[in-house]
Protein backbone atom coordinates (compact mmCIF):
# COMPACT_ATOMS: atom_id res chain seq x y z
CA UNK A 1 -6.46 -29.69 21.14
CA UNK A 2 -6.48 -30.04 17.56
CA UNK A 3 -9.96 -29.36 17.30
CA UNK A 4 -9.66 -26.04 19.05
CA UNK A 5 -6.78 -24.80 16.94
CA UNK A 6 -8.97 -25.52 13.63
CA UNK A 7 -11.85 -23.72 15.25
CA UNK A 8 -9.84 -20.88 15.94
CA UNK A 9 -8.36 -20.84 12.43
CA UNK A 10 -11.81 -21.20 10.95
CA UNK A 11 -12.86 -18.11 13.15
CA UNK A 12 -10.01 -16.05 12.03
CA UNK A 13 -10.49 -16.83 8.24
CA UNK A 14 -14.26 -15.87 8.83
CA UNK A 15 -13.36 -12.59 10.18
CA UNK A 16 -10.78 -11.63 7.13
CA UNK A 17 -13.72 -12.51 4.88
CA UNK A 18 -15.90 -10.05 6.48
CA UNK A 19 -13.11 -7.57 6.47
CA UNK A 20 -12.59 -7.99 2.80
CA UNK A 21 -16.16 -7.91 1.87
CA UNK A 22 -16.46 -4.44 3.57
CA UNK A 23 -13.67 -3.06 1.73
CA UNK A 24 -15.41 -4.26 -1.59
CA UNK A 25 -18.42 -2.46 -0.43
CA UNK A 26 -16.73 0.64 0.12
CA UNK A 27 -14.89 0.23 -3.25
CA UNK A 28 -18.30 -0.04 -5.14
CA UNK A 29 -19.79 2.58 -3.40
CA UNK A 30 -16.86 5.16 -4.20
CA UNK A 31 -17.04 3.99 -8.00
CA UNK A 32 -20.81 4.54 -7.81
CA UNK A 33 -20.12 8.06 -6.46
CA UNK A 34 -17.78 8.93 -9.11
CA UNK A 35 -20.27 7.76 -11.78
CA UNK A 36 -22.84 10.01 -10.40
CA UNK A 37 -20.53 12.78 -10.61
CA UNK A 38 -19.07 12.25 -13.95
CA UNK A 39 -21.50 14.64 -15.85
CA UNK A 40 -20.83 17.65 -13.54
CA UNK A 41 -19.87 20.87 -15.68
CA UNK A 42 -18.08 22.59 -12.79
CA UNK A 43 -14.66 22.15 -11.79
CA UNK A 44 -13.26 18.70 -10.84
CA UNK A 45 -13.29 19.12 -7.21
CA UNK A 46 -15.18 16.11 -5.50
CA UNK A 47 -16.68 16.35 -1.76
CA UNK A 48 -14.85 13.82 0.30
CA UNK A 49 -16.14 13.12 3.74
CA UNK A 50 -14.15 11.93 6.54
CA UNK A 51 -16.31 11.74 9.37
CA UNK A 52 -16.44 15.28 10.83
CA UNK A 53 -14.40 17.14 8.28
CA UNK A 54 -15.49 17.95 4.78
CA UNK A 55 -12.46 18.36 2.42
CA UNK A 56 -12.32 18.61 -1.41
CA UNK A 57 -10.35 16.00 -3.50
CA UNK A 58 -9.25 16.95 -6.96
CA UNK A 59 -9.64 14.14 -9.57
CA UNK A 60 -9.50 13.55 -12.90
CA UNK A 61 -12.22 10.74 -13.18
CA UNK A 62 -13.09 11.02 -16.88
CA UNK A 63 -9.46 9.97 -18.00
CA UNK A 64 -9.66 7.30 -15.19
CA UNK A 65 -12.67 5.71 -16.89
CA UNK A 66 -11.28 5.91 -20.13
CA UNK A 67 -8.43 3.99 -18.96
CA UNK A 68 -10.26 1.42 -17.08
């Protein structure tokens, strides 16, 4: 019985590690996208895609990077 509980616990921990890794990937992709758009001369609207809908997000990423 003890061995089964430990195996379940290890499985749950592995799942959470996978979820955390995917969020880290999304964060890196988002930062990369903002870095690519940093040199745009137009308005500060950035395209944000949410599956089938496309909206624009107003960002002030230049001051965001100066603070970081």
